């Protein structure tokens, strides 16, 4: 082989090595972005969720589309589970209800979604980490669909917003997800999510059954609060388990939400491979709203609302694919404060 041929061969080998390194690096990225789930079945609960939704500047809100207020709390939502003649057809799932029928503390569990909507509902999946025959970590999932009652893996409820003219509405200053008053902050608020589906609208003055039966919308917003803060335990777990280097002020813009029933389980190491392709079992999720730790100091875009009454389906959950969803965070109590304003 001539000297020139040796140089060409050396350059070719370098290109092959670089290509192989790129493949390996891509694999690491895909594996890292898989993120976490609680690994102990005994520690997969959130002890309480408190909710407050407030409106200002001409927006009115209702739990039934008939009786209007400016502030909605847990107590108002709980009333929709009772024997109300106004809204018996609601399918609100409120596991935070204080008088839980089972007599035990109300809890929720980590779930995940790829953001797919079917029959006016967000497809949610309850996940569980397990080991396969070779000792590799696999993720199993089952479909978790909301149903009217005080039990469930996540919170889901409908609210009705009334405006008298076409309006732009924002998530207002002071909105946040935080550890509940008196509760220990273990960092679970960092894995919290909220989603909003604008289902449709009716004209002001429509009868109750028309308003309450609004549906057919596909307009989805996912909110990730506290996306720039992580606990020491989450940072250590991300590095040791997923080879993901995270700092306390790093914003993670996207993750892979579960988008299918995984009855036999899939290897998290194979995410993105031909046996477990993105877009089949998982979907890349980039939240529409991403806000830093603490209460909002400036309004953030939410929905546009046409004049009339708009029905919005709310989802509140702990995202299992978030790096902060790890064992030491289990048992937290968290509070959602959401303020909506016209601009």
Protein backbone atom coordinates (compact mmCIF):
# COMPACT_ATOMS: atom_id res chain seq x y z
CA UNK A 1 0.00 0.00 0.00
CA UNK A 2 1.40 3.38 -0.99
CA UNK A 3 1.82 6.25 1.42
CA UNK A 4 -1.11 8.08 -0.19
CA UNK A 5 -3.32 5.01 0.06
CA UNK A 6 -2.41 4.66 3.74
CA UNK A 7 -3.49 8.27 4.36
CA UNK A 8 -6.81 7.66 2.57
CA UNK A 9 -7.35 4.47 4.59
CA UNK A 10 -6.62 6.35 7.83
CA UNK A 11 -9.11 9.10 6.92
CA UNK A 12 -11.74 6.46 6.07
CA UNK A 13 -11.23 4.75 9.43
CA UNK A 14 -11.62 8.09 11.22
CA UNK A 15 -14.91 8.74 9.40
CA UNK A 16 -16.18 5.29 10.37
CA UNK A 17 -15.15 5.88 14.00
CA UNK A 18 -16.89 9.26 14.05
CA UNK A 19 -20.04 7.70 12.58
CA UNK A 20 -19.98 4.96 15.21
CA UNK A 21 -19.49 7.51 17.99
CA UNK A 22 -22.45 9.50 16.63
CA UNK A 23 -24.63 6.38 16.71
CA UNK A 24 -23.55 5.62 20.28
CA UNK A 25 -24.11 9.24 21.34
CA UNK A 26 -27.58 9.23 19.76
CA UNK A 27 -28.39 6.04 21.66
CA UNK A 28 -27.28 7.66 24.92
CA UNK A 29 -29.49 10.68 24.25
CA UNK A 30 -32.53 8.51 23.55
CA UNK A 31 -31.93 6.42 26.65
CA UNK A 32 -31.31 9.49 28.79
CA UNK A 33 -34.53 11.15 27.69
CA UNK A 34 -36.53 8.13 28.82
CA UNK A 35 -36.32 9.55 32.34
CA UNK A 36 -37.80 8.01 35.46
CA UNK A 37 -40.60 6.28 37.29
CA UNK A 38 -40.98 5.45 40.93
CA UNK A 39 -39.24 2.09 41.21
CA UNK A 40 -40.82 0.88 44.42
CA UNK A 41 -44.47 -0.12 44.27
CA UNK A 42 -44.86 0.89 47.91
CA UNK A 43 -43.93 4.51 47.26
CA UNK A 44 -46.02 5.55 44.27
CA UNK A 45 -48.53 7.86 45.89
CA UNK A 46 -49.11 11.55 46.19
CA UNK A 47 -50.89 12.29 49.42
CA UNK A 48 -52.95 15.26 48.36
CA UNK A 49 -53.64 17.71 45.58
CA UNK A 50 -55.22 21.08 46.20
CA UNK A 51 -56.69 23.11 43.34
CA UNK A 52 -57.60 26.75 42.96
CA UNK A 53 -58.65 28.30 39.65
CA UNK A 54 -59.25 32.05 39.66
CA UNK A 55 -60.31 34.43 36.89
CA UNK A 56 -60.23 38.19 36.45
CA UNK A 57 -60.94 40.99 34.00
CA UNK A 58 -64.32 39.86 32.78
CA UNK A 59 -63.96 36.05 32.73
CA UNK A 60 -66.42 33.94 34.66
CA UNK A 61 -65.91 30.26 35.45
CA UNK A 62 -68.28 27.46 36.40
CA UNK A 63 -68.17 23.77 37.32
CA UNK A 64 -71.53 23.13 35.62
CA UNK A 65 -72.01 25.86 32.99
CA UNK A 66 -74.97 27.26 34.93
CA UNK A 67 -73.71 28.77 38.18
CA UNK A 68 -70.88 31.26 37.65
CA UNK A 69 -68.05 32.41 39.93
CA UNK A 70 -64.57 33.92 39.78
CA UNK A 71 -62.81 31.32 41.97
CA UNK A 72 -63.13 27.52 41.85
CA UNK A 73 -61.71 25.37 44.69
CA UNK A 74 -61.65 21.69 45.69
CA UNK A 75 -64.97 22.13 47.45
CA UNK A 76 -66.69 23.35 44.26
CA UNK A 77 -65.28 20.44 42.26
CA UNK A 78 -66.27 17.93 44.92
CA UNK A 79 -69.85 19.14 44.68
CA UNK A 80 -70.02 17.91 41.08
CA UNK A 81 -69.65 14.34 42.37
CA UNK A 82 -72.75 14.61 44.51
CA UNK A 83 -76.42 14.29 43.65
CA UNK A 84 -76.55 17.61 41.82
CA UNK A 85 -79.49 17.81 39.42
CA UNK A 86 -77.53 20.37 37.39
CA UNK A 87 -74.67 18.20 36.22
CA UNK A 88 -75.20 14.51 36.87
CA UNK A 89 -73.53 13.59 33.56
CA UNK A 90 -70.08 14.90 34.52
CA UNK A 91 -67.13 12.48 34.41
CA UNK A 92 -64.86 14.42 36.78
CA UNK A 93 -62.23 12.20 38.39
CA UNK A 94 -61.26 13.77 41.71
CA UNK A 95 -59.06 11.46 43.80
CA UNK A 96 -58.19 14.37 46.11
CA UNK A 97 -61.72 14.32 47.53
CA UNK A 98 -61.50 14.61 51.32
CA UNK A 99 -64.42 12.29 52.06
CA UNK A 100 -62.98 9.50 49.91
CA UNK A 101 -65.50 6.65 49.79
CA UNK A 102 -62.88 4.07 50.71
CA UNK A 103 -62.20 5.80 53.99
CA UNK A 104 -58.48 5.99 53.20
CA UNK A 105 -56.27 8.87 52.14
CA UNK A 106 -56.88 9.93 48.55
CA UNK A 107 -53.85 9.36 46.33
CA UNK A 108 -52.69 9.56 42.73
CA UNK A 109 -49.96 7.62 40.93
CA UNK A 110 -47.44 8.53 38.22
CA UNK A 111 -48.87 8.31 34.71
CA UNK A 112 -47.68 9.45 31.30
CA UNK A 113 -49.18 10.72 28.07
CA UNK A 114 -47.92 11.36 24.57
CA UNK A 115 -50.59 14.03 24.12
CA UNK A 116 -52.99 11.95 22.00
CA UNK A 117 -56.70 12.76 22.37
CA UNK A 118 -59.45 10.19 21.76
CA UNK A 119 -63.16 10.70 22.42
CA UNK A 120 -62.50 14.07 24.08
CA UNK A 121 -60.10 12.46 26.58
CA UNK A 122 -56.34 12.59 26.89
CA UNK A 123 -54.83 9.13 26.58
CA UNK A 124 -53.09 8.44 29.89
CA UNK A 125 -51.00 5.40 30.80
CA UNK A 126 -50.14 4.03 34.23
CA UNK A 127 -46.52 2.85 34.18
CA UNK A 128 -44.51 0.40 36.22
CA UNK A 129 -40.82 -0.47 36.03
CA UNK A 130 -39.94 -4.17 36.11
CA UNK A 131 -37.06 -6.48 35.15
CA UNK A 132 -36.97 -8.89 32.24
CA UNK A 133 -35.39 -12.37 32.27
CA UNK A 134 -31.99 -10.84 31.56
CA UNK A 135 -32.21 -8.39 34.44
CA UNK A 136 -32.75 -5.38 32.18
CA UNK A 137 -35.14 -2.64 33.27
CA UNK A 138 -38.37 -2.61 31.29
CA UNK A 139 -41.42 -0.39 31.41
CA UNK A 140 -44.92 -1.82 31.45
CA UNK A 141 -48.02 0.32 31.02
CA UNK A 142 -51.79 -0.01 31.16
CA UNK A 143 -54.42 2.44 29.96
CA UNK A 144 -55.79 4.66 32.71
CA UNK A 145 -59.07 6.35 31.76
CA UNK A 146 -60.90 8.81 33.98
CA UNK A 147 -64.33 7.97 35.30
CA UNK A 148 -66.66 9.96 37.55
CA UNK A 149 -65.65 9.42 41.15
CA UNK A 150 -63.16 10.04 43.92
CA UNK A 151 -60.63 7.40 42.89
CA UNK A 152 -58.14 7.37 40.05
CA UNK A 153 -54.50 7.71 39.08
CA UNK A 154 -54.76 11.39 38.12
CA UNK A 155 -57.11 14.37 38.39
CA UNK A 156 -59.48 15.29 35.55
CA UNK A 157 -62.35 17.74 35.54
CA UNK A 158 -64.27 20.12 33.29
CA UNK A 159 -64.65 23.85 33.74
CA UNK A 160 -66.72 26.31 31.73
CA UNK A 161 -65.45 29.79 30.89
CA UNK A 162 -67.76 32.61 29.83
CA UNK A 163 -66.67 35.77 27.99
CA UNK A 164 -68.87 38.30 26.20
CA UNK A 165 -66.45 38.99 23.32
CA UNK A 166 -63.63 37.21 21.50
CA UNK A 167 -60.73 37.29 23.93
CA UNK A 168 -57.13 36.28 24.49
CA UNK A 169 -56.71 34.57 27.83
CA UNK A 170 -53.41 34.06 29.63
CA UNK A 171 -52.21 32.01 32.57
CA UNK A 172 -51.75 34.87 34.96
CA UNK A 173 -49.18 36.14 37.41
CA UNK A 174 -49.08 34.09 40.59
CA UNK A 175 -49.93 30.79 38.91
CA UNK A 176 -47.76 27.95 40.17
CA UNK A 177 -47.54 24.37 41.36
CA UNK A 178 -45.99 24.19 44.81
CA UNK A 179 -45.70 21.98 47.85
CA UNK A 180 -48.88 22.32 49.90
CA UNK A 181 -48.81 24.44 53.04
CA UNK A 182 -47.33 22.48 55.92
CA UNK A 183 -46.09 19.69 53.65
CA UNK A 184 -42.47 18.66 53.20
CA UNK A 185 -41.15 19.64 49.77
CA UNK A 186 -39.55 16.47 48.39
CA UNK A 187 -39.45 17.83 44.84
CA UNK A 188 -42.49 16.13 43.37
CA UNK A 189 -43.84 19.50 42.23
CA UNK A 190 -41.04 19.41 39.65
CA UNK A 191 -42.65 16.38 37.97
CA UNK A 192 -46.16 17.86 38.01
CA UNK A 193 -48.05 18.58 34.80
CA UNK A 194 -51.33 20.17 33.78
CA UNK A 195 -53.10 19.86 30.45
CA UNK A 196 -56.05 21.73 29.02
CA UNK A 197 -58.28 20.60 26.16
CA UNK A 198 -60.55 23.23 24.65
CA UNK A 199 -63.56 21.06 23.82
CA UNK A 200 -65.80 23.63 22.12
CA UNK A 201 -68.32 26.34 22.86
CA UNK A 202 -71.99 27.23 23.11
CA UNK A 203 -73.77 30.56 22.96
CA UNK A 204 -74.59 32.38 26.16
CA UNK A 205 -78.15 31.52 27.18
CA UNK A 206 -78.04 27.94 25.86
CA UNK A 207 -79.78 25.35 28.02
CA UNK A 208 -77.76 23.41 30.59
CA UNK A 209 -77.72 20.10 28.70
CA UNK A 210 -76.33 21.81 25.58
CA UNK A 211 -73.60 23.55 27.54
CA UNK A 212 -72.65 20.49 29.57
CA UNK A 213 -72.62 18.30 26.46
CA UNK A 214 -70.03 20.41 24.58
CA UNK A 215 -67.36 18.20 23.01
CA UNK A 216 -65.29 17.41 19.95
CA UNK A 217 -62.28 19.62 20.54
CA UNK A 218 -58.64 18.77 19.83
CA UNK A 219 -56.95 21.97 21.01
CA UNK A 220 -54.42 20.86 23.65
CA UNK A 221 -51.99 22.75 25.86
CA UNK A 222 -49.58 20.99 28.25
CA UNK A 223 -48.06 23.02 31.09
CA UNK A 224 -44.80 22.01 32.75
CA UNK A 225 -44.21 24.12 35.87
CA UNK A 226 -40.88 24.25 37.76
CA UNK A 227 -39.04 22.89 34.72
CA UNK A 228 -35.70 24.49 35.67
CA UNK A 229 -35.24 23.01 39.13
CA UNK A 230 -34.36 19.49 40.29
CA UNK A 231 -33.55 17.94 43.64
CA UNK A 232 -30.15 16.45 44.45
CA UNK A 233 -31.76 13.00 44.46
CA UNK A 234 -33.24 13.52 40.98
CA UNK A 235 -29.91 14.79 39.64
CA UNK A 236 -28.06 11.77 41.08
CA UNK A 237 -30.71 9.33 39.81
CA UNK A 238 -30.65 10.85 36.32
CA UNK A 239 -26.89 10.39 36.10
CA UNK A 240 -26.64 6.91 37.62
CA UNK A 241 -29.71 5.40 35.97
CA UNK A 242 -30.03 7.24 32.66
CA UNK A 243 -26.57 8.70 32.05
CA UNK A 244 -28.23 12.12 31.89
CA UNK A 245 -26.28 15.05 33.28
CA UNK A 246 -28.72 17.51 34.84
CA UNK A 247 -28.01 20.65 36.86
CA UNK A 248 -30.32 22.37 39.31
CA UNK A 249 -31.03 25.22 36.88
CA UNK A 250 -31.34 23.18 33.68
CA UNK A 251 -34.56 23.32 31.71
CA UNK A 252 -35.39 20.01 30.03
CA UNK A 253 -37.46 21.00 27.02
CA UNK A 254 -38.85 17.64 25.92
CA UNK A 255 -39.32 14.03 26.95
CA UNK A 256 -40.91 10.88 25.56
CA UNK A 257 -44.47 10.36 26.80
CA UNK A 258 -45.99 6.89 26.82
CA UNK A 259 -48.48 6.50 23.97
CA UNK A 260 -49.46 2.81 24.05
CA UNK A 261 -50.31 -0.12 26.28
CA UNK A 262 -47.07 -1.98 26.97
CA UNK A 263 -48.41 -5.25 28.33
CA UNK A 264 -45.20 -7.27 28.04
CA UNK A 265 -42.92 -4.31 28.72
CA UNK A 266 -40.28 -2.62 26.62
CA UNK A 267 -36.63 -2.08 27.37
CA UNK A 268 -35.85 1.54 28.05
CA UNK A 269 -32.45 0.93 26.47
CA UNK A 270 -34.17 0.15 23.16
CA UNK A 271 -36.11 3.42 22.95
CA UNK A 272 -35.81 4.64 19.38
CA UNK A 273 -34.78 1.25 17.97
CA UNK A 274 -36.72 -0.74 15.37
CA UNK A 275 -38.16 -2.90 18.16
CA UNK A 276 -39.35 0.13 20.13
CA UNK A 277 -39.66 3.08 17.74
CA UNK A 278 -40.51 6.62 18.72
CA UNK A 279 -44.00 7.42 17.47
CA UNK A 280 -45.39 3.96 18.23
CA UNK A 281 -44.98 3.28 21.94
CA UNK A 282 -43.75 6.77 22.81
CA UNK A 283 -44.16 10.30 21.49
CA UNK A 284 -41.82 13.22 21.93
CA UNK A 285 -43.56 15.80 24.11
CA UNK A 286 -42.54 19.44 24.29
CA UNK A 287 -44.88 21.23 26.71
CA UNK A 288 -46.59 24.27 25.25
CA UNK A 289 -46.09 26.21 28.47
CA UNK A 290 -42.81 25.82 30.36
CA UNK A 291 -42.38 27.97 33.45
CA UNK A 292 -39.52 28.23 35.97
CA UNK A 293 -39.68 27.42 39.66
CA UNK A 294 -42.02 29.57 41.70
CA UNK A 295 -45.05 31.70 40.97
CA UNK A 296 -45.32 33.30 37.54
CA UNK A 297 -44.12 36.89 37.51
CA UNK A 298 -45.52 37.58 34.04
CA UNK A 299 -48.62 36.36 32.19
CA UNK A 300 -48.17 33.43 29.80
CA UNK A 301 -50.25 32.71 26.66
CA UNK A 302 -53.05 30.21 27.23
CA UNK A 303 -56.09 29.97 24.89
CA UNK A 304 -58.09 32.33 22.77
CA UNK A 305 -61.76 32.18 23.73
CA UNK A 306 -64.61 33.10 21.39
CA UNK A 307 -67.56 35.02 22.76
CA UNK A 308 -69.81 32.56 24.55
CA UNK A 309 -69.30 29.62 26.90
CA UNK A 310 -66.24 27.40 26.33
CA UNK A 311 -65.80 24.00 27.94
CA UNK A 312 -62.23 23.13 28.95
CA UNK A 313 -61.12 19.74 30.24
CA UNK A 314 -58.35 19.94 32.86
CA UNK A 315 -55.83 17.20 33.65
CA UNK A 316 -53.45 17.30 36.62
CA UNK A 317 -50.91 14.51 37.01
CA UNK A 318 -47.41 13.39 37.94
CA UNK A 319 -45.45 12.66 34.75
CA UNK A 320 -43.66 9.31 35.13
CA UNK A 321 -41.27 10.14 32.30
CA UNK A 322 -39.98 13.21 34.14
CA UNK A 323 -36.52 12.99 35.71
CA UNK A 324 -37.96 14.26 39.02
CA UNK A 325 -40.38 11.34 39.33
CA UNK A 326 -38.16 9.26 41.61
CA UNK A 327 -38.67 7.44 44.90
CA UNK A 328 -37.59 10.08 47.40
CA UNK A 329 -40.19 12.50 46.01
CA UNK A 330 -43.08 10.13 46.77
CA UNK A 331 -45.59 11.12 49.41
CA UNK A 332 -45.63 14.85 48.67
CA UNK A 333 -48.73 17.00 48.84
CA UNK A 334 -48.88 19.62 46.09
CA UNK A 335 -51.06 22.62 45.26
CA UNK A 336 -52.08 23.91 41.84
CA UNK A 337 -52.85 27.63 41.70
CA UNK A 338 -54.06 28.80 38.29
CA UNK A 339 -55.14 32.33 37.52
CA UNK A 340 -56.59 33.23 34.12
CA UNK A 341 -56.79 36.81 32.88
CA UNK A 342 -57.97 38.66 29.79
CA UNK A 343 -55.40 40.78 28.00
